[in-house]
PDB file of N, CA and C in Angstrom:
ATOM      1  N   MET A   1      -5.762 -19.699  10.623  1.00  0.00           N
ATOM      2  CA  MET A   1      -5.946 -18.311  10.247  1.00  0.00           C
ATOM      3  C   MET A   1      -4.905 -17.955   9.193  1.00  0.00           C
ATOM      4  N   THR A   2      -5.320 -17.278   8.146  1.00  0.00           N
ATOM      5  CA  THR A   2      -4.400 -16.893   7.081  1.00  0.00           C
ATOM      6  C   THR A   2      -4.042 -15.428   7.214  1.00  0.00           C
ATOM      7  N   SER A   3      -2.929 -15.055   6.620  1.00  0.00           N
ATOM      8  CA  SER A   3      -2.496 -13.661   6.658  1.00  0.00           C
ATOM      9  C   SER A   3      -2.288 -13.165   5.237  1.00  0.00           C
ATOM     10  N   LEU A   4      -2.169 -11.864   5.102  1.00  0.00           N
ATOM     11  CA  LEU A   4      -1.893 -11.276   3.797  1.00  0.00           C
ATOM     12  C   LEU A   4      -0.530 -11.733   3.313  1.00  0.00           C
ATOM     13  N   PRO A   5      -0.350 -11.846   2.009  1.00  0.00           N
ATOM     14  CA  PRO A   5       0.957 -12.255   1.490  1.00  0.00           C
ATOM     15  C   PRO A   5       1.980 -11.136   1.623  1.00  0.00           C
ATOM     16  N   SER A   6       2.558 -11.031   2.796  1.00  0.00           N
ATOM     17  CA  SER A   6       3.627 -10.065   3.027  1.00  0.00           C
ATOM     18  C   SER A   6       4.631 -10.692   3.974  1.00  0.00           C
ATOM     19  N   ASP A   7       5.822 -10.189   3.953  1.00  0.00           N
ATOM     20  CA  ASP A   7       6.869 -10.691   4.829  1.00  0.00           C
ATOM     21  C   ASP A   7       7.115  -9.623   5.879  1.00  0.00           C
ATOM     22  N   ARG A   8       6.540  -9.799   7.033  1.00  0.00           N
ATOM     23  CA  ARG A   8       6.639  -8.774   8.081  1.00  0.00           C
ATOM     24  C   ARG A   8       8.064  -8.585   8.568  1.00  0.00           C
ATOM     25  N   ALA A   9       8.869  -9.619   8.525  1.00  0.00           N
ATOM     26  CA  ALA A   9      10.248  -9.508   9.000  1.00  0.00           C
ATOM     27  C   ALA A   9      11.061  -8.557   8.130  1.00  0.00           C
ATOM     28  N   THR A  10      10.875  -8.625   6.821  1.00  0.00           N
ATOM     29  CA  THR A  10      11.638  -7.754   5.928  1.00  0.00           C
ATOM     30  C   THR A  10      10.836  -6.547   5.485  1.00  0.00           C
ATOM     31  N   GLY A  11       9.523  -6.559   5.761  1.00  0.00           N
ATOM     32  CA  GLY A  11       8.693  -5.439   5.373  1.00  0.00           C
ATOM     33  C   GLY A  11       8.349  -5.415   3.899  1.00  0.00           C
ATOM     34  N   SER A  12       8.547  -6.523   3.200  1.00  0.00           N
ATOM     35  CA  SER A  12       8.253  -6.542   1.773  1.00  0.00           C
ATOM     36  C   SER A  12       6.793  -6.909   1.535  1.00  0.00           C
ATOM     37  N   VAL A  13       6.289  -6.507   0.375  1.00  0.00           N
ATOM     38  CA  VAL A  13       4.917  -6.815  -0.015  1.00  0.00           C
ATOM     39  C   VAL A  13       4.963  -7.762  -1.205  1.00  0.00           C
ATOM     40  N   ASP A  14       4.145  -8.781  -1.151  1.00  0.00           N
ATOM     41  CA  ASP A  14       4.076  -9.764  -2.235  1.00  0.00           C
ATOM     42  C   ASP A  14       3.662  -9.075  -3.535  1.00  0.00           C
ATOM     43  N   PRO A  15       4.416  -9.266  -4.613  1.00  0.00           N
ATOM     44  CA  PRO A  15       4.069  -8.654  -5.902  1.00  0.00           C
ATOM     45  C   PRO A  15       2.671  -9.028  -6.389  1.00  0.00           C
ATOM     46  N   LYS A  16       2.195 -10.213  -6.037  1.00  0.00           N
ATOM     47  CA  LYS A  16       0.840 -10.620  -6.435  1.00  0.00           C
ATOM     48  C   LYS A  16      -0.212  -9.747  -5.758  1.00  0.00           C
ATOM     49  N   LEU A  17       0.060  -9.353  -4.523  1.00  0.00           N
ATOM     50  CA  LEU A  17      -0.852  -8.454  -3.814  1.00  0.00           C
ATOM     51  C   LEU A  17      -0.877  -7.090  -4.495  1.00  0.00           C
ATOM     52  N   LEU A  18       0.292  -6.608  -4.898  1.00  0.00           N
ATOM     53  CA  LEU A  18       0.364  -5.313  -5.591  1.00  0.00           C
ATOM     54  C   LEU A  18      -0.387  -5.335  -6.920  1.00  0.00           C
ATOM     55  N   GLU A  19      -0.429  -6.491  -7.560  1.00  0.00           N
ATOM     56  CA  GLU A  19      -1.139  -6.608  -8.834  1.00  0.00           C
ATOM     57  C   GLU A  19      -2.643  -6.435  -8.673  1.00  0.00           C
ATOM     58  N   ILE A  20      -3.186  -6.826  -7.527  1.00  0.00           N
ATOM     59  CA  ILE A  20      -4.638  -6.753  -7.358  1.00  0.00           C
ATOM     60  C   ILE A  20      -5.110  -5.522  -6.587  1.00  0.00           C
ATOM     61  N   LEU A  21      -4.239  -4.931  -5.781  1.00  0.00           N
ATOM     62  CA  LEU A  21      -4.636  -3.728  -5.046  1.00  0.00           C
ATOM     63  C   LEU A  21      -4.621  -2.513  -5.964  1.00  0.00           C
ATOM     64  N   VAL A  22      -5.612  -1.651  -5.799  1.00  0.00           N
ATOM     65  CA  VAL A  22      -5.668  -0.389  -6.537  1.00  0.00           C
ATOM     66  C   VAL A  22      -6.005   0.724  -5.557  1.00  0.00           C
ATOM     67  N   CYS A  23      -5.749   1.943  -5.966  1.00  0.00           N
ATOM     68  CA  CYS A  23      -6.101   3.104  -5.161  1.00  0.00           C
ATOM     69  C   CYS A  23      -7.626   3.148  -5.029  1.00  0.00           C
ATOM     70  N   PRO A  24      -8.153   3.259  -3.822  1.00  0.00           N
ATOM     71  CA  PRO A  24      -9.606   3.297  -3.662  1.00  0.00           C
ATOM     72  C   PRO A  24     -10.241   4.566  -4.236  1.00  0.00           C
ATOM     73  N   LEU A  25      -9.451   5.605  -4.425  1.00  0.00           N
ATOM     74  CA  LEU A  25      -9.971   6.862  -4.959  1.00  0.00           C
ATOM     75  C   LEU A  25      -9.991   6.872  -6.483  1.00  0.00           C
ATOM     76  N   THR A  26      -8.867   6.501  -7.094  1.00  0.00           N
ATOM     77  CA  THR A  26      -8.746   6.586  -8.558  1.00  0.00           C
ATOM     78  C   THR A  26      -8.916   5.246  -9.263  1.00  0.00           C
ATOM     79  N   LYS A  27      -8.833   4.163  -8.506  1.00  0.00           N
ATOM     80  CA  LYS A  27      -8.842   2.792  -9.055  1.00  0.00           C
ATOM     81  C   LYS A  27      -7.610   2.521  -9.915  1.00  0.00           C
ATOM     82  N   GLY A  28      -6.575   3.347  -9.744  1.00  0.00           N
ATOM     83  CA  GLY A  28      -5.336   3.199 -10.492  1.00  0.00           C
ATOM     84  C   GLY A  28      -4.311   2.364  -9.747  1.00  0.00           C
ATOM     85  N   PRO A  29      -3.163   2.094 -10.392  1.00  0.00           N
ATOM     86  CA  PRO A  29      -2.121   1.251  -9.796  1.00  0.00           C
ATOM     87  C   PRO A  29      -1.420   1.924  -8.621  1.00  0.00           C
ATOM     88  N   LEU A  30      -0.792   1.082  -7.812  1.00  0.00           N
ATOM     89  CA  LEU A  30      -0.035   1.542  -6.649  1.00  0.00           C
ATOM     90  C   LEU A  30       1.418   1.123  -6.786  1.00  0.00           C
ATOM     91  N   GLU A  31       2.313   1.925  -6.216  1.00  0.00           N
ATOM     92  CA  GLU A  31       3.741   1.603  -6.167  1.00  0.00           C
ATOM     93  C   GLU A  31       4.117   1.382  -4.710  1.00  0.00           C
ATOM     94  N   TYR A  32       4.961   0.393  -4.479  1.00  0.00           N
ATOM     95  CA  TYR A  32       5.408   0.081  -3.123  1.00  0.00           C
ATOM     96  C   TYR A  32       6.641   0.901  -2.778  1.00  0.00           C
ATOM     97  N   ASP A  33       6.572   1.661  -1.684  1.00  0.00           N
ATOM     98  CA  ASP A  33       7.710   2.417  -1.167  1.00  0.00           C
ATOM     99  C   ASP A  33       8.199   1.679   0.080  1.00  0.00           C
ATOM    100  N   ALA A  34       9.248   0.878  -0.087  1.00  0.00           N
ATOM    101  CA  ALA A  34       9.753   0.042   1.009  1.00  0.00           C
ATOM    102  C   ALA A  34      10.312   0.876   2.153  1.00  0.00           C
ATOM    103  N   ALA A  35      10.982   1.978   1.834  1.00  0.00           N
ATOM    104  CA  ALA A  35      11.606   2.803   2.862  1.00  0.00           C
ATOM    105  C   ALA A  35      10.566   3.399   3.814  1.00  0.00           C
ATOM    106  N   ARG A  36       9.440   3.811   3.265  1.00  0.00           N
ATOM    107  CA  ARG A  36       8.394   4.438   4.082  1.00  0.00           C
ATOM    108  C   ARG A  36       7.277   3.477   4.474  1.00  0.00           C
ATOM    109  N   GLN A  37       7.336   2.233   3.955  1.00  0.00           N
ATOM    110  CA  GLN A  37       6.279   1.254   4.211  1.00  0.00           C
ATOM    111  C   GLN A  37       4.911   1.826   3.836  1.00  0.00           C
ATOM    112  N   GLU A  38       4.813   2.219   2.560  1.00  0.00           N
ATOM    113  CA  GLU A  38       3.586   2.800   2.033  1.00  0.00           C
ATOM    114  C   GLU A  38       3.314   2.277   0.626  1.00  0.00           C
ATOM    115  N   LEU A  39       2.049   2.324   0.240  1.00  0.00           N
ATOM    116  CA  LEU A  39       1.637   2.086  -1.135  1.00  0.00           C
ATOM    117  C   LEU A  39       1.240   3.442  -1.695  1.00  0.00           C
ATOM    118  N   VAL A  40       1.888   3.836  -2.782  1.00  0.00           N
ATOM    119  CA  VAL A  40       1.747   5.184  -3.322  1.00  0.00           C
ATOM    120  C   VAL A  40       0.876   5.186  -4.571  1.00  0.00           C
ATOM    121  N   SER A  41      -0.088   6.108  -4.578  1.00  0.00           N
ATOM    122  CA  SER A  41      -0.907   6.366  -5.758  1.00  0.00           C
ATOM    123  C   SER A  41      -0.455   7.706  -6.326  1.00  0.00           C
ATOM    124  N   ARG A  42       0.250   7.668  -7.452  1.00  0.00           N
ATOM    125  CA  ARG A  42       0.710   8.911  -8.088  1.00  0.00           C
ATOM    126  C   ARG A  42      -0.478   9.729  -8.597  1.00  0.00           C
ATOM    127  N   ALA A  43      -1.498   9.059  -9.127  1.00  0.00           N
ATOM    128  CA  ALA A  43      -2.663   9.753  -9.682  1.00  0.00           C
ATOM    129  C   ALA A  43      -3.417  10.536  -8.604  1.00  0.00           C
ATOM    130  N   ALA A  44      -3.587   9.941  -7.431  1.00  0.00           N
ATOM    131  CA  ALA A  44      -4.307  10.594  -6.337  1.00  0.00           C
ATOM    132  C   ALA A  44      -3.384  11.450  -5.477  1.00  0.00           C
ATOM    133  N   ARG A  45      -2.070  11.280  -5.670  1.00  0.00           N
ATOM    134  CA  ARG A  45      -1.071  11.965  -4.854  1.00  0.00           C
ATOM    135  C   ARG A  45      -1.262  11.636  -3.366  1.00  0.00           C
ATOM    136  N   LEU A  46      -1.464  10.325  -3.116  1.00  0.00           N
ATOM    137  CA  LEU A  46      -1.654   9.822  -1.760  1.00  0.00           C
ATOM    138  C   LEU A  46      -0.742   8.624  -1.514  1.00  0.00           C
ATOM    139  N   ALA A  47      -0.349   8.454  -0.250  1.00  0.00           N
ATOM    140  CA  ALA A  47       0.450   7.300   0.162  1.00  0.00           C
ATOM    141  C   ALA A  47      -0.294   6.592   1.291  1.00  0.00           C
ATOM    142  N   TYR A  48      -0.649   5.340   1.041  1.00  0.00           N
ATOM    143  CA  TYR A  48      -1.391   4.543   2.015  1.00  0.00           C
ATOM    144  C   TYR A  48      -0.407   3.778   2.895  1.00  0.00           C
ATOM    145  N   PRO A  49      -0.541   3.873   4.218  1.00  0.00           N
ATOM    146  CA  PRO A  49       0.417   3.209   5.110  1.00  0.00           C
ATOM    147  C   PRO A  49       0.241   1.694   5.137  1.00  0.00           C
ATOM    148  N   ILE A  50       1.343   1.023   5.451  1.00  0.00           N
ATOM    149  CA  ILE A  50       1.316  -0.420   5.701  1.00  0.00           C
ATOM    150  C   ILE A  50       1.694  -0.586   7.167  1.00  0.00           C
ATOM    151  N   ARG A  51       0.774  -1.114   7.955  1.00  0.00           N
ATOM    152  CA  ARG A  51       1.004  -1.286   9.390  1.00  0.00           C
ATOM    153  C   ARG A  51       0.966  -2.769   9.736  1.00  0.00           C
ATOM    154  N   ASP A  52       2.034  -3.243  10.340  1.00  0.00           N
ATOM    155  CA  ASP A  52       2.146  -4.664  10.709  1.00  0.00           C
ATOM    156  C   ASP A  52       1.875  -5.574   9.521  1.00  0.00           C
ATOM    157  N   GLY A  53       2.347  -5.154   8.342  1.00  0.00           N
ATOM    158  CA  GLY A  53       2.200  -5.961   7.142  1.00  0.00           C
ATOM    159  C   GLY A  53       0.848  -5.856   6.462  1.00  0.00           C
ATOM    160  N   ILE A  54      -0.028  -4.983   6.980  1.00  0.00           N
ATOM    161  CA  ILE A  54      -1.376  -4.846   6.424  1.00  0.00           C
ATOM    162  C   ILE A  54      -1.537  -3.475   5.780  1.00  0.00           C
ATOM    163  N   PRO A  55      -1.821  -3.426   4.471  1.00  0.00           N
ATOM    164  CA  PRO A  55      -2.070  -2.139   3.812  1.00  0.00           C
ATOM    165  C   PRO A  55      -3.379  -1.528   4.328  1.00  0.00           C
ATOM    166  N   ILE A  56      -3.310  -0.269   4.718  1.00  0.00           N
ATOM    167  CA  ILE A  56      -4.489   0.460   5.194  1.00  0.00           C
ATOM    168  C   ILE A  56      -5.006   1.287   4.021  1.00  0.00           C
ATOM    169  N   MET A  57      -5.985   0.750   3.327  1.00  0.00           N
ATOM    170  CA  MET A  57      -6.458   1.342   2.078  1.00  0.00           C
ATOM    171  C   MET A  57      -7.641   2.285   2.304  1.00  0.00           C
ATOM    172  N   LEU A  58      -7.484   3.211   3.234  1.00  0.00           N
ATOM    173  CA  LEU A  58      -8.504   4.206   3.542  1.00  0.00           C
ATOM    174  C   LEU A  58      -7.968   5.588   3.193  1.00  0.00           C
ATOM    175  N   VAL A  59      -8.736   6.348   2.435  1.00  0.00           N
ATOM    176  CA  VAL A  59      -8.305   7.688   2.024  1.00  0.00           C
ATOM    177  C   VAL A  59      -8.029   8.550   3.250  1.00  0.00           C
ATOM    178  N   ASP A  60      -8.843   8.427   4.293  1.00  0.00           N
ATOM    179  CA  ASP A  60      -8.661   9.224   5.512  1.00  0.00           C
ATOM    180  C   ASP A  60      -7.356   8.906   6.238  1.00  0.00           C
ATOM    181  N   GLU A  61      -6.805   7.717   6.018  1.00  0.00           N
ATOM    182  CA  GLU A  61      -5.548   7.312   6.660  1.00  0.00           C
ATOM    183  C   GLU A  61      -4.324   7.619   5.790  1.00  0.00           C
ATOM    184  N   ALA A  62      -4.539   7.989   4.552  1.00  0.00           N
ATOM    185  CA  ALA A  62      -3.436   8.212   3.606  1.00  0.00           C
ATOM    186  C   ALA A  62      -2.740   9.545   3.866  1.00  0.00           C
ATOM    187  N   ARG A  63      -1.462   9.565   3.498  1.00  0.00           N
ATOM    188  CA  ARG A  63      -0.653  10.784   3.594  1.00  0.00           C
ATOM    189  C   ARG A  63      -0.668  11.466   2.226  1.00  0.00           C
ATOM    190  N   ARG A  64      -0.892  12.771   2.223  1.00  0.00           N
ATOM    191  CA  ARG A  64      -0.879  13.533   0.967  1.00  0.00           C
ATOM    192  C   ARG A  64       0.555  13.741   0.496  1.00  0.00           C
ATOM    193  N   LEU A  65       0.773  13.556  -0.798  1.00  0.00           N
ATOM    194  CA  LEU A  65       2.085  13.785  -1.393  1.00  0.00           C
ATOM    195  C   LEU A  65       2.135  15.206  -1.938  1.00  0.00           C
ATOM    196  N   ASP A  66       3.248  15.865  -1.715  1.00  0.00           N
ATOM    197  CA  ASP A  66       3.422  17.234  -2.239  1.00  0.00           C
ATOM    198  C   ASP A  66       4.241  17.244  -3.494  1.00  0.00           C
TER     199      ASP A  66
END
């Protein structure tokens, strides 16, 4: 069984994964927020959570940025 390219021990996300993931709403780039364990879409003003090393790329699960 394979897993996503992330390091669960340190909570880091593989840069190659960040290159291919996009915001499902805007199709724009994402920024990794290590402190909050989120992938942030500035264009959509949403932050997608990363749970157990897995990005949850659902708009309904995202946190709105103010």
